[in-house]
Amino acid sequence: MDLTKFVWTRHPKDFTITKDKITITTAPHTDLWQRTYYNFRNDNAPVLQMQTDEKYFSFSVKTDFSESKHRFDQCGIVMYLNSENWLKGSVEYENDDFQHLGSVVTVNGYSDWATTEINANIKTIYYRFSRRENDFLIECSYDGVKYSQMRICHIPIANDTISFGIYACSPEDSSFTAVFTDFKMEECKWQAHIGQKPDNI
């Protein structure tokens, strides 16, 4: 992928971009979240994305979060359309025993959060983000070969051109450097559904 096509929505504390690697150093108190349960709105995480109007594709990247050390330190993939409509997939540091591997989908200004606990010793994860019109799939992999489904969702406003890419942030009083490599753009790996036929409306 041509990493020069990626554009910052918000700049991080520090960053580097080379031919095949991006690093992002987070600033404290940066996050993406809207309203639900916590009743606060955070919309200041650094986001680096490219645009496309392609309706069927898959984007994958390897994340290295070896330096994460404080609760909620996180990095991963993102599709940030505007402050009230976006999705992200990441690992969030929790403590020395476990982390949260999960996703957040935000529609019309309300976020949800779906997670599972993984061992704190895991320090790299591959993500794959796939689009089929305005339906989206987030997957994860430990080896970049075998991917497992994390989330399927529908974003109503994602009809034409979308922005997608990577992000990293530290919601509490922390900072760490996330490393992104193995960027890949491919034909859609998310195959058309061949089970139950759609209802006729």
Protein backbone atom coordinates (compact mmCIF):
# COMPACT_ATOMS: atom_id res chain seq x y z
CA MET A 1 0.00 0.00 0.00
CA ASP A 2 1.04 3.59 -0.59
CA LEU A 3 1.20 4.96 2.94
CA THR A 4 1.56 8.51 1.61
CA LYS A 5 -2.16 8.39 0.76
CA PHE A 6 -3.04 8.30 4.45
CA VAL A 7 -4.16 11.60 5.97
CA TRP A 8 -4.38 12.65 9.62
CA THR A 9 -7.75 13.52 11.08
CA ARG A 10 -5.88 14.47 14.27
CA HIS A 11 -2.14 14.36 14.79
CA PRO A 12 -0.64 12.28 17.62
CA LYS A 13 1.99 13.36 20.10
CA ASP A 14 4.64 12.03 17.73
CA PHE A 15 4.78 9.73 14.70
CA THR A 16 6.95 8.28 11.95
CA ILE A 17 5.93 7.08 8.50
CA THR A 18 8.25 5.04 6.30
CA LYS A 19 7.67 2.91 3.22
CA ASP A 20 6.30 -0.03 5.18
CA LYS A 21 5.88 1.04 8.82
CA ILE A 22 3.99 3.65 10.83
CA THR A 23 4.55 4.45 14.50
CA ILE A 24 2.19 6.52 16.61
CA THR A 25 3.09 7.86 20.05
CA THR A 26 -0.04 8.71 21.98
CA ALA A 27 -0.74 11.68 24.21
CA PRO A 28 -2.49 11.23 27.56
CA HIS A 29 -6.28 11.58 27.75
CA THR A 30 -6.96 10.77 24.10
CA ASP A 31 -9.84 8.52 23.15
CA LEU A 32 -12.83 7.76 20.92
CA TRP A 33 -16.14 7.24 22.72
CA GLN A 34 -19.65 8.67 22.52
CA ARG A 35 -22.13 8.88 25.40
CA THR A 36 -23.27 5.32 26.15
CA TYR A 37 -23.15 4.30 29.84
CA TYR A 38 -20.25 6.56 30.78
CA ASN A 39 -22.17 9.67 29.68
CA PHE A 40 -19.07 11.43 28.40
CA ARG A 41 -17.92 12.18 24.87
CA ASN A 42 -14.27 11.80 23.86
CA ASP A 43 -13.33 12.60 20.29
CA ASN A 44 -9.65 13.46 20.25
CA ALA A 45 -7.74 10.27 19.35
CA PRO A 46 -5.24 10.54 16.49
CA VAL A 47 -6.65 8.87 13.37
CA LEU A 48 -4.69 8.20 10.16
CA GLN A 49 -6.82 7.17 7.17
CA MET A 50 -7.17 6.92 3.43
CA GLN A 51 -10.35 7.33 1.37
CA THR A 52 -12.02 5.03 -1.10
CA ASP A 53 -15.34 4.70 -2.89
CA GLU A 54 -14.68 1.00 -3.55
CA LYS A 55 -17.70 -0.94 -2.23
CA TYR A 56 -16.00 -4.34 -1.84
CA PHE A 57 -12.50 -4.67 -0.37
CA SER A 58 -10.43 -5.91 2.57
CA PHE A 59 -7.75 -3.96 4.43
CA SER A 60 -5.37 -5.65 6.87
CA VAL A 61 -2.57 -4.47 9.15
CA LYS A 62 -0.36 -5.83 11.92
CA THR A 63 -0.31 -3.95 15.22
CA ASP A 64 2.45 -4.12 17.82
CA PHE A 65 1.49 -2.73 21.21
CA SER A 66 4.44 -4.05 23.23
CA GLU A 67 4.83 -0.69 24.95
CA SER A 68 1.24 -0.45 26.21
CA LYS A 69 1.34 -0.42 30.00
CA HIS A 70 -1.57 1.57 31.37
CA ARG A 71 -5.30 0.87 31.57
CA PHE A 72 -7.08 1.45 28.22
CA ASP A 73 -3.89 2.05 26.18
CA GLN A 74 -5.00 0.87 22.72
CA CYS A 75 -4.27 0.75 19.01
CA GLY A 76 -5.92 -0.83 16.02
CA ILE A 77 -8.03 -0.27 12.93
CA VAL A 78 -10.65 2.40 12.46
CA MET A 79 -13.25 3.71 10.06
CA TYR A 80 -13.87 7.27 11.19
CA LEU A 81 -16.56 9.03 9.15
CA ASN A 82 -17.37 11.82 11.60
CA SER A 83 -17.51 12.29 15.36
CA GLU A 84 -20.82 10.43 15.67
CA ASN A 85 -20.35 7.61 13.15
CA TRP A 86 -17.30 5.35 13.29
CA LEU A 87 -16.00 1.93 14.26
CA LYS A 88 -12.75 0.63 15.71
CA GLY A 89 -11.12 -2.69 16.57
CA SER A 90 -8.26 -2.93 19.05
CA VAL A 91 -6.63 -4.47 22.08
CA GLU A 92 -6.98 -2.37 25.24
CA TYR A 93 -4.48 -2.92 28.05
CA GLU A 94 -6.10 -3.71 31.38
CA ASN A 95 -3.47 -5.12 33.78
CA ASP A 96 -0.57 -7.57 33.98
CA ASP A 97 -2.94 -10.54 33.67
CA PHE A 98 -5.31 -9.73 30.80
CA GLN A 99 -6.28 -7.30 28.05
CA HIS A 100 -9.53 -6.61 26.20
CA LEU A 101 -9.68 -7.57 22.53
CA GLY A 102 -12.76 -5.91 21.14
CA SER A 103 -14.59 -3.47 18.95
CA VAL A 104 -16.66 -0.33 19.26
CA VAL A 105 -19.35 0.68 16.79
CA THR A 106 -20.75 4.19 17.06
CA VAL A 107 -23.89 5.19 15.17
CA ASN A 108 -25.71 8.51 15.53
CA GLY A 109 -23.57 9.51 18.49
CA TYR A 110 -23.90 6.38 20.66
CA SER A 111 -21.11 3.84 21.15
CA ASP A 112 -21.24 0.18 22.08
CA TRP A 113 -18.35 -2.01 23.21
CA ALA A 114 -17.98 -5.75 22.64
CA THR A 115 -14.93 -7.46 24.15
CA THR A 116 -13.28 -10.69 25.16
CA GLU A 117 -10.36 -11.14 27.52
CA ILE A 118 -6.99 -12.25 26.15
CA ASN A 119 -3.70 -12.91 27.89
CA ALA A 120 -1.56 -9.89 28.71
CA ASN A 121 1.44 -11.63 27.14
CA ILE A 122 -0.02 -11.11 23.64
CA LYS A 123 1.67 -8.06 22.15
CA THR A 124 0.85 -8.26 18.43
CA ILE A 125 -2.45 -8.69 16.58
CA TYR A 126 -3.40 -8.57 12.91
CA TYR A 127 -6.73 -6.98 11.97
CA ARG A 128 -8.70 -7.26 8.75
CA PHE A 129 -11.43 -4.77 7.88
CA SER A 130 -13.78 -5.73 5.04
CA ARG A 131 -16.52 -3.79 3.30
CA ARG A 132 -19.57 -5.01 1.42
CA GLU A 133 -21.39 -1.77 0.54
CA ASN A 134 -22.39 -0.32 3.93
CA ASP A 135 -21.96 -3.57 5.87
CA PHE A 136 -18.60 -4.15 7.55
CA LEU A 137 -16.63 -7.03 9.05
CA ILE A 138 -13.79 -6.79 11.58
CA GLU A 139 -11.55 -9.84 12.03
CA CYS A 140 -8.41 -10.57 14.04
CA SER A 141 -5.51 -12.97 13.69
CA TYR A 142 -2.47 -13.95 15.72
CA ASP A 143 -0.44 -15.04 12.70
CA GLY A 144 -1.79 -13.00 9.77
CA VAL A 145 -3.07 -16.18 8.11
CA LYS A 146 -6.05 -17.51 10.04
CA TYR A 147 -8.58 -14.77 10.82
CA SER A 148 -11.49 -14.97 13.26
CA GLN A 149 -14.64 -12.87 13.15
CA MET A 150 -14.93 -10.14 15.77
CA ARG A 151 -17.85 -8.10 14.51
CA ILE A 152 -20.34 -7.60 11.68
CA CYS A 153 -22.12 -4.26 11.62
CA HIS A 154 -24.06 -1.86 9.43
CA ILE A 155 -23.23 1.85 9.22
CA PRO A 156 -26.17 3.62 7.53
CA ILE A 157 -24.30 6.71 6.35
CA ALA A 158 -21.40 4.71 4.80
CA ASN A 159 -22.97 4.67 1.36
CA ASP A 160 -20.27 6.04 -0.92
CA THR A 161 -16.79 7.31 -0.06
CA ILE A 162 -15.46 6.18 3.31
CA SER A 163 -12.27 6.78 5.28
CA PHE A 164 -10.47 3.92 7.01
CA GLY A 165 -7.10 3.22 8.55
CA ILE A 166 -5.40 3.10 11.95
CA TYR A 167 -5.50 4.83 15.31
CA ALA A 168 -3.89 4.74 18.75
CA CYS A 169 -4.77 6.48 21.99
CA SER A 170 -4.33 6.58 25.77
CA PRO A 171 -7.58 7.52 27.53
CA GLU A 172 -5.97 7.92 30.94
CA ASP A 173 -2.73 9.58 32.08
CA SER A 174 -0.41 7.55 29.87
CA SER A 175 1.55 7.46 26.63
CA PHE A 176 2.95 4.63 24.51
CA THR A 177 4.22 3.99 20.99
CA ALA A 178 2.20 1.71 18.71
CA VAL A 179 3.78 0.14 15.63
CA PHE A 180 1.86 -0.70 12.45
CA THR A 181 3.26 -2.90 9.66
CA ASP A 182 2.16 -5.39 6.99
CA PHE A 183 -0.38 -3.05 5.39
CA LYS A 184 -2.40 -4.79 2.71
CA MET A 185 -5.33 -3.84 0.47
CA GLU A 186 -7.05 -6.75 -1.30
CA GLU A 187 -10.16 -7.89 -3.06
CA CYS A 188 -12.91 -8.49 -0.51
CA LYS A 189 -12.15 -11.58 1.57
CA TRP A 190 -15.62 -11.46 3.08
CA GLN A 191 -17.62 -13.69 0.80
CA ALA A 192 -21.28 -13.18 -0.07
CA HIS A 193 -23.66 -14.98 2.28
CA ILE A 194 -24.86 -18.29 0.84
CA GLY A 195 -27.18 -19.44 3.64
CA GLN A 196 -30.67 -18.13 4.30
CA LYS A 197 -31.96 -15.99 1.46
CA PRO A 198 -32.92 -12.36 2.16
CA ASP A 199 -36.57 -11.66 2.92
CA ASN A 200 -38.56 -10.30 0.01
CA ILE A 201 -39.84 -6.85 0.84
